[in-house]
Amino acid sequence: MNYADRYCGVRIAGNQGRYNSRYRDFTFAGGDCTNFVSQVLADREAGGIPTDSAWRYRDGTATAAWVQADAFVRHMLITGRVVCLKRGKWQEVKDIARELLPGDIITL
């Protein structure tokens, strides 16, 4: 959570702002949300979860699972790194929100 608090935000004028300059900003390449979640999980200042060939960032290049929400969810479920607590429309899943903790990931 400290990593997320420190680096959440947009990059302003190059590397200015709160964005972690060790990572490429994918905002204008379709969005940056999944890239940021991946950073929070894998960066050495954060979760430190080991990456693999399908989920990684290196030298400005990222795999689909690192930056694309659907690929990220599929990869994390297949590798057993996450569990799905509930799936469905808001009315079907809203009660599970009481079980979530700070740092839990919600995907659509």
C-alpha atoms as a PDB file:
ATOM      1  CA  MET A   1       0.000   0.000   0.000  1.00  0.00           C
ATOM      2  CA  ASN A   2       2.926   2.344   0.642  1.00  0.00           C
ATOM      3  CA  TYR A   3       4.107   1.897  -2.949  1.00  0.00           C
ATOM      4  CA  ALA A   4       0.632   2.677  -4.273  1.00  0.00           C
ATOM      5  CA  ASP A   5       0.390   5.770  -2.087  1.00  0.00           C
ATOM      6  CA  ARG A   6       3.831   6.950  -3.165  1.00  0.00           C
ATOM      7  CA  TYR A   7       3.521   6.430  -6.919  1.00  0.00           C
ATOM      8  CA  CYS A   8      -0.149   6.767  -7.774  1.00  0.00           C
ATOM      9  CA  GLY A   9      -0.721   9.659 -10.107  1.00  0.00           C
ATOM     10  CA  VAL A  10       0.046  10.747 -13.610  1.00  0.00           C
ATOM     11  CA  ARG A  11       3.398  11.620 -15.103  1.00  0.00           C
ATOM     12  CA  ILE A  12       3.705  15.345 -15.765  1.00  0.00           C
ATOM     13  CA  ALA A  13       6.282  16.847 -18.157  1.00  0.00           C
ATOM     14  CA  GLY A  14       8.509  13.820 -18.617  1.00  0.00           C
ATOM     15  CA  ASN A  15       9.358  12.189 -15.293  1.00  0.00           C
ATOM     16  CA  GLN A  16       7.825  14.870 -13.081  1.00  0.00           C
ATOM     17  CA  GLY A  17       5.034  13.909 -10.718  1.00  0.00           C
ATOM     18  CA  ARG A  18       4.515  10.886  -8.513  1.00  0.00           C
ATOM     19  CA  TYR A  19       4.829   8.273 -11.266  1.00  0.00           C
ATOM     20  CA  ASN A  20       7.670   5.766 -10.783  1.00  0.00           C
ATOM     21  CA  SER A  21      10.197   6.716 -13.461  1.00  0.00           C
ATOM     22  CA  ARG A  22      11.518   3.133 -13.658  1.00  0.00           C
ATOM     23  CA  TYR A  23       8.372   2.221 -15.615  1.00  0.00           C
ATOM     24  CA  ARG A  24       6.907   3.318 -18.917  1.00  0.00           C
ATOM     25  CA  ASP A  25       3.597   5.151 -18.716  1.00  0.00           C
ATOM     26  CA  PHE A  26       1.036   3.269 -20.823  1.00  0.00           C
ATOM     27  CA  THR A  27      -1.710   5.887 -20.397  1.00  0.00           C
ATOM     28  CA  PHE A  28      -1.715   6.809 -24.076  1.00  0.00           C
ATOM     29  CA  ALA A  29      -1.341   3.212 -25.253  1.00  0.00           C
ATOM     30  CA  GLY A  30      -4.736   2.094 -23.991  1.00  0.00           C
ATOM     31  CA  GLY A  31      -4.467   2.795 -20.268  1.00  0.00           C
ATOM     32  CA  ASP A  32      -2.103   2.389 -17.370  1.00  0.00           C
ATOM     33  CA  CYS A  33      -4.188   0.767 -14.614  1.00  0.00           C
ATOM     34  CA  THR A  34      -3.044  -2.829 -15.071  1.00  0.00           C
ATOM     35  CA  ASN A  35       0.569  -1.692 -15.460  1.00  0.00           C
ATOM     36  CA  PHE A  36       0.274   0.074 -12.106  1.00  0.00           C
ATOM     37  CA  VAL A  37      -1.282  -2.970 -10.399  1.00  0.00           C
ATOM     38  CA  SER A  38       1.531  -5.109 -11.797  1.00  0.00           C
ATOM     39  CA  GLN A  39       4.078  -2.640 -10.417  1.00  0.00           C
ATOM     40  CA  VAL A  40       2.455  -2.771  -6.979  1.00  0.00           C
ATOM     41  CA  LEU A  41       2.638  -6.561  -6.989  1.00  0.00           C
ATOM     42  CA  ALA A  42       6.111  -7.052  -8.468  1.00  0.00           C
ATOM     43  CA  ASP A  43       8.302  -4.019  -7.769  1.00  0.00           C
ATOM     44  CA  ARG A  44      11.087  -4.566  -5.249  1.00  0.00           C
ATOM     45  CA  GLU A  45       9.735  -1.605  -3.225  1.00  0.00           C
ATOM     46  CA  ALA A  46       6.296  -3.198  -3.075  1.00  0.00           C
ATOM     47  CA  GLY A  47       5.049  -6.781  -3.180  1.00  0.00           C
ATOM     48  CA  GLY A  48       8.183  -8.239  -4.726  1.00  0.00           C
ATOM     49  CA  ILE A  49       6.276 -11.104  -6.337  1.00  0.00           C
ATOM     50  CA  PRO A  50       8.567 -12.836  -8.846  1.00  0.00           C
ATOM     51  CA  THR A  51       7.659 -12.259 -12.475  1.00  0.00           C
ATOM     52  CA  ASP A  52       7.708 -14.927 -15.178  1.00  0.00           C
ATOM     53  CA  SER A  53       7.952 -15.032 -18.954  1.00  0.00           C
ATOM     54  CA  ALA A  54       4.236 -14.305 -19.411  1.00  0.00           C
ATOM     55  CA  TRP A  55       3.990 -11.541 -16.770  1.00  0.00           C
ATOM     56  CA  ARG A  56       6.938  -9.175 -16.773  1.00  0.00           C
ATOM     57  CA  TYR A  57       8.250  -5.702 -17.501  1.00  0.00           C
ATOM     58  CA  ARG A  58      11.754  -5.138 -18.831  1.00  0.00           C
ATOM     59  CA  ASP A  59      13.457  -2.133 -20.447  1.00  0.00           C
ATOM     60  CA  GLY A  60      10.237  -0.309 -21.337  1.00  0.00           C
ATOM     61  CA  THR A  61       8.540  -3.402 -22.730  1.00  0.00           C
ATOM     62  CA  ALA A  62       5.748  -5.284 -21.009  1.00  0.00           C
ATOM     63  CA  THR A  63       3.919  -8.510 -21.711  1.00  0.00           C
ATOM     64  CA  ALA A  64       0.171  -8.497 -22.312  1.00  0.00           C
ATOM     65  CA  ALA A  65      -0.406  -9.953 -18.849  1.00  0.00           C
ATOM     66  CA  TRP A  66       1.523  -7.019 -17.334  1.00  0.00           C
ATOM     67  CA  VAL A  67      -0.541  -4.288 -19.030  1.00  0.00           C
ATOM     68  CA  GLN A  68      -3.875  -5.709 -20.220  1.00  0.00           C
ATOM     69  CA  ALA A  69      -6.595  -6.341 -17.662  1.00  0.00           C
ATOM     70  CA  ASP A  70      -8.086  -9.490 -19.219  1.00  0.00           C
ATOM     71  CA  ALA A  71      -4.672 -11.080 -19.810  1.00  0.00           C
ATOM     72  CA  PHE A  72      -3.578 -10.105 -16.283  1.00  0.00           C
ATOM     73  CA  VAL A  73      -6.616 -11.723 -14.636  1.00  0.00           C
ATOM     74  CA  ARG A  74      -6.332 -14.874 -16.764  1.00  0.00           C
ATOM     75  CA  HIS A  75      -2.619 -15.246 -16.010  1.00  0.00           C
ATOM     76  CA  MET A  76      -2.997 -14.639 -12.288  1.00  0.00           C
ATOM     77  CA  LEU A  77      -5.842 -17.160 -12.029  1.00  0.00           C
ATOM     78  CA  ILE A  78      -4.078 -19.811 -14.137  1.00  0.00           C
ATOM     79  CA  THR A  79      -0.848 -19.517 -12.128  1.00  0.00           C
ATOM     80  CA  GLY A  80      -2.710 -19.613  -8.809  1.00  0.00           C
ATOM     81  CA  ARG A  81      -1.409 -16.212  -7.701  1.00  0.00           C
ATOM     82  CA  VAL A  82      -4.946 -14.983  -7.073  1.00  0.00           C
ATOM     83  CA  VAL A  83      -8.343 -16.452  -6.313  1.00  0.00           C
ATOM     84  CA  CYS A  84     -11.682 -15.263  -7.557  1.00  0.00           C
ATOM     85  CA  LEU A  85     -13.962 -14.607  -4.593  1.00  0.00           C
ATOM     86  CA  LYS A  86     -17.064 -13.880  -6.635  1.00  0.00           C
ATOM     87  CA  ARG A  87     -18.042 -13.115 -10.217  1.00  0.00           C
ATOM     88  CA  GLY A  88     -21.177 -11.452 -11.523  1.00  0.00           C
ATOM     89  CA  LYS A  89     -23.151  -8.239 -11.696  1.00  0.00           C
ATOM     90  CA  TRP A  90     -22.922  -5.699  -8.857  1.00  0.00           C
ATOM     91  CA  GLN A  91     -26.066  -6.956  -7.121  1.00  0.00           C
ATOM     92  CA  GLU A  92     -24.569 -10.463  -7.109  1.00  0.00           C
ATOM     93  CA  VAL A  93     -21.124  -9.498  -5.795  1.00  0.00           C
ATOM     94  CA  LYS A  94     -21.674  -6.469  -3.549  1.00  0.00           C
ATOM     95  CA  ASP A  95     -21.839  -8.475  -0.313  1.00  0.00           C
ATOM     96  CA  ILE A  96     -18.309  -9.829  -0.824  1.00  0.00           C
ATOM     97  CA  ALA A  97     -16.999  -6.252  -0.518  1.00  0.00           C
ATOM     98  CA  ARG A  98     -17.209  -6.597   3.274  1.00  0.00           C
ATOM     99  CA  GLU A  99     -14.516  -9.281   3.095  1.00  0.00           C
ATOM    100  CA  LEU A 100     -12.022  -7.226   1.092  1.00  0.00           C
ATOM    101  CA  LEU A 101      -8.917  -5.839   2.752  1.00  0.00           C
ATOM    102  CA  PRO A 102      -6.699  -2.869   1.859  1.00  0.00           C
ATOM    103  CA  GLY A 103      -4.546  -3.957  -1.069  1.00  0.00           C
ATOM    104  CA  ASP A 104      -7.039  -6.460  -2.504  1.00  0.00           C
ATOM    105  CA  ILE A 105      -7.543  -6.159  -6.263  1.00  0.00           C
ATOM    106  CA  ILE A 106     -10.957  -5.707  -7.838  1.00  0.00           C
ATOM    107  CA  THR A 107     -11.271  -6.363 -11.573  1.00  0.00           C
ATOM    108  CA  LEU A 108     -14.112  -6.065 -14.001  1.00  0.00           C
END
